[in-house]
Structure formats: C-alpha cells, structure tokens
Protein backbone atom coordinates (compact mmCIF):
# COMPACT_ATOMS: atom_id res chain seq x y z
CA MET A 1 -0.36 -25.07 2.72
CA THR A 2 -0.93 -21.35 3.00
CA TYR A 3 -4.26 -19.72 3.71
CA GLN A 4 -5.08 -16.74 1.49
CA LEU A 5 -7.89 -14.25 2.04
CA ILE A 6 -8.76 -11.35 -0.26
CA TYR A 7 -11.22 -8.70 0.87
CA SER A 8 -12.41 -5.26 -0.09
CA SER A 9 -13.76 -2.47 2.06
CA ASP A 10 -14.68 1.16 1.81
CA SER A 11 -12.56 3.59 3.79
CA SER A 12 -14.70 5.30 6.43
CA ILE A 13 -12.47 8.38 6.22
CA PRO A 14 -10.52 9.78 3.26
CA MET A 15 -6.98 8.39 3.47
CA GLN A 16 -4.15 10.81 2.80
CA ALA A 17 -0.61 9.68 1.97
CA ASP A 18 0.48 10.06 5.61
CA ASP A 19 -2.50 8.01 6.80
CA LEU A 20 -1.63 5.21 4.38
CA GLU A 21 2.04 5.29 5.41
CA ASP A 22 1.04 4.97 9.09
CA LEU A 23 -1.34 2.12 8.32
CA LEU A 24 1.28 0.30 6.25
CA GLU A 25 4.01 0.77 8.86
CA GLN A 26 1.79 -0.73 11.56
CA ALA A 27 0.66 -3.59 9.31
CA ARG A 28 4.20 -4.46 8.28
CA GLU A 29 5.42 -4.56 11.88
CA ARG A 30 2.50 -6.69 13.09
CA ASN A 31 2.51 -8.96 10.04
CA ALA A 32 6.22 -9.68 10.43
CA ARG A 33 5.59 -10.86 14.00
CA ARG A 34 2.62 -13.01 12.94
CA GLY A 35 4.09 -14.54 9.80
CA ILE A 36 1.57 -12.78 7.54
CA THR A 37 2.38 -11.60 4.03
CA GLY A 38 0.32 -9.81 1.44
CA ALA A 39 -0.48 -6.65 -0.44
CA LEU A 40 -2.75 -3.63 -0.07
CA VAL A 41 -4.31 -1.73 -2.95
CA TYR A 42 -6.01 1.59 -2.28
CA VAL A 43 -8.00 3.29 -5.00
CA ASP A 44 -10.47 6.15 -4.61
CA GLY A 45 -11.50 5.30 -1.05
CA VAL A 46 -11.62 1.54 -1.51
CA PHE A 47 -9.21 -0.99 -0.01
CA LEU A 48 -8.40 -4.32 -1.60
CA GLN A 49 -6.14 -6.45 0.54
CA ILE A 50 -4.56 -9.85 0.02
CA LEU A 51 -3.50 -11.65 3.20
CA GLU A 52 -1.53 -14.91 3.44
CA GLY A 53 -0.40 -17.04 6.36
CA GLU A 54 -1.72 -19.67 8.75
CA ALA A 55 -5.50 -20.01 8.57
CA ALA A 56 -6.17 -19.24 12.24
CA THR A 57 -3.93 -16.17 12.13
CA ILE A 58 -5.53 -14.81 8.95
CA LYS A 59 -9.05 -15.41 10.24
CA ALA A 60 -8.23 -13.66 13.54
CA LEU A 61 -6.82 -10.68 11.65
CA MET A 62 -9.87 -10.55 9.40
CA ALA A 63 -12.14 -10.48 12.46
CA LYS A 64 -10.23 -7.40 13.70
CA ILE A 65 -10.40 -5.71 10.30
CA ALA A 66 -14.16 -6.32 10.16
CA ILE A 67 -14.67 -4.21 13.29
CA ASP A 68 -11.96 -1.62 12.56
CA LEU A 69 -13.59 1.81 12.36
CA ARG A 70 -11.46 2.73 9.33
CA HIS A 71 -13.38 0.15 7.26
CA GLU A 72 -16.98 -0.01 6.08
CA ALA A 73 -18.71 -2.61 3.92
CA VAL A 74 -16.00 -5.22 4.52
CA THR A 75 -16.50 -8.01 1.99
CA VAL A 76 -14.47 -11.21 1.77
CA LEU A 77 -14.02 -11.79 -1.96
CA GLN A 78 -12.09 -15.03 -1.83
CA GLU A 79 -10.51 -17.25 0.80
CA GLY A 80 -9.01 -20.68 1.13
CA GLU A 81 -5.88 -22.77 1.00
CA VAL A 82 -3.37 -22.09 -1.75
CA PRO A 83 -0.48 -24.41 -2.62
CA ALA A 84 2.15 -21.77 -1.85
CA PRO A 85 2.23 -18.13 -0.76
CA ARG A 86 2.29 -15.75 -3.69
CA PHE A 87 3.25 -12.63 -1.73
CA SER A 88 5.93 -14.15 0.52
CA ASP A 89 8.41 -11.38 -0.34
CA TRP A 90 6.23 -8.68 1.25
CA THR A 91 5.00 -8.31 4.84
CA MET A 92 2.58 -5.80 3.31
CA ALA A 93 3.28 -4.46 -0.13
CA TYR A 94 1.40 -1.40 -1.34
CA VAL A 95 0.02 -0.59 -4.76
CA GLY A 96 -1.55 2.84 -5.14
CA ALA A 97 -3.65 1.97 -8.17
CA THR A 98 -5.75 4.26 -10.31
CA PRO A 99 -9.33 3.37 -11.24
CA GLU A 100 -8.15 2.95 -14.83
CA GLN A 101 -5.46 0.50 -13.75
CA VAL A 102 -7.94 -1.62 -11.78
CA ALA A 103 -10.34 -1.54 -14.75
CA ASP A 104 -7.51 -2.78 -16.96
CA TRP A 105 -6.79 -5.64 -14.54
CA LEU A 106 -10.46 -6.62 -14.83
CA CYS A 107 -10.61 -6.16 -18.63
CA MET A 108 -13.26 -3.49 -18.15
CA PRO A 109 -13.52 -0.04 -19.74
CA GLY A 110 -11.28 2.56 -18.09
CA THR A 111 -14.31 4.73 -17.46
CA THR A 112 -15.98 2.13 -15.22
CA PRO A 113 -16.80 3.70 -11.82
CA VAL A 114 -14.83 2.26 -8.89
CA PRO A 115 -17.93 0.84 -7.13
CA ASP A 116 -18.80 -1.08 -10.30
CA LEU A 117 -15.26 -2.49 -10.49
CA PHE A 118 -15.54 -3.92 -7.01
CA ASP A 119 -19.11 -5.13 -7.56
CA GLY A 120 -17.79 -7.11 -10.52
CA MET A 121 -15.20 -8.76 -8.32
CA ARG A 122 -17.84 -9.58 -5.71
CA ARG A 123 -19.88 -11.39 -8.37
CA ASP A 124 -17.07 -13.22 -10.18
CA ALA A 125 -14.29 -15.00 -8.27
CA SER A 126 -12.20 -15.34 -11.42
CA GLN A 127 -11.90 -11.54 -11.49
CA VAL A 128 -10.51 -11.60 -7.95
CA THR A 129 -7.87 -14.08 -9.08
CA ASN A 130 -7.02 -11.87 -12.08
CA VAL A 131 -6.60 -8.82 -9.85
CA ALA A 132 -4.37 -10.71 -7.40
CA GLN A 133 -2.18 -11.82 -10.31
CA SER A 134 -2.06 -8.26 -11.66
CA VAL A 135 -1.03 -6.89 -8.25
CA LEU A 136 1.71 -9.50 -8.06
CA SER A 137 2.88 -8.54 -11.56
CA VAL A 138 3.05 -4.85 -10.61
CA LEU A 139 5.07 -5.66 -7.49
CA SER A 140 7.43 -7.96 -9.35
CA ALA A 141 8.01 -5.33 -12.03
CA ASP A 142 8.68 -2.69 -9.35
CA ARG A 143 11.19 -4.97 -7.67
CA ALA A 144 12.99 -5.46 -10.98
CA ASP A 145 13.07 -1.69 -11.59
CA PRO A 146 13.93 0.17 -8.35
CA ALA A 147 13.44 3.51 -10.12
CA SER A 148 9.74 2.75 -10.56
CA GLY A 149 8.78 4.12 -7.16
CA PRO A 150 7.42 3.04 -3.78
CA GLN A 151 4.74 0.60 -4.93
CA GLY A 152 6.27 -2.60 -3.65
CA ARG A 153 7.90 -1.47 -0.46
CA ALA A 154 7.79 -4.30 2.04
C-alpha cells in the first residue's frame, strides 16, 4: 500500500514564478531519489501539497516541511494508507490554481476568500478528497492536451 499525506501551509514569503520553479526543481530531484510522487498547488500565498510514497519516507519529509522557514501554519489535512498511488506519474506536479478554481473544486462560491477555502478543508475531510481528485483531473487533462501549458510538468 501507498501512504498519502495532504497538507496546507501559508507561504512565509511571497513566491514569484522563479521561486516556485526552484522549489519544484529541488522537490522533483529529491522525490525521484526517495520514491515520492505527488502534486503541489499554490494559490494566493497558500500551498496545498499531496505526497505519496512509503510511510516512513513521507513522514520524514513532512517533519522537514514543518520546520522549513518557507512555510507557516503547516496543517496536515489528511493522511493514511491508500490502495494505490494516484499521482504516480509525477515526481511533483504543479497546478497554479486561482482562488476561483479552488472554490469550484470545493463547490463554494467563487468569491470565497482563500483562507475560508482552506478552513473548509481543515474542517471537512471529504473536501480534501474532492480537491485531490480535482487536482488529478487537471493534471490528467493537461497531459492529454500538451498545448494546455506547464501545469502538470513532472
């Protein structure tokens, strides 16, 4: 079985495109060595990350993320064994979502403030599952349509 962990955190510094590219490049290299797969969503200063792999490896990585100075208010939204990895095609995919897109994934009004979107996920695990499925759908659609942009780069 695969261990999956989904967390959110606030970025301690505003992330520019170059900052995100550097972060993703490092994550992809390290994840490939450790057998970790997953996806990162960044929206208005908030990270949502899905990590999959061996339980001990994922927990060790999460411990490092929790003390990483780029993150504040790190919150594990969901974790546990899953029958099979859902993000096995990506060492670390990236989805640069808009607040409206995340609100749509959560079936909330598009005007919902980002903090409220993430508070909803913290209170309701089914919303976390819905968001993970939506991220996977975006990545799968991007893979099917290479002209759609850099969202799913592994």
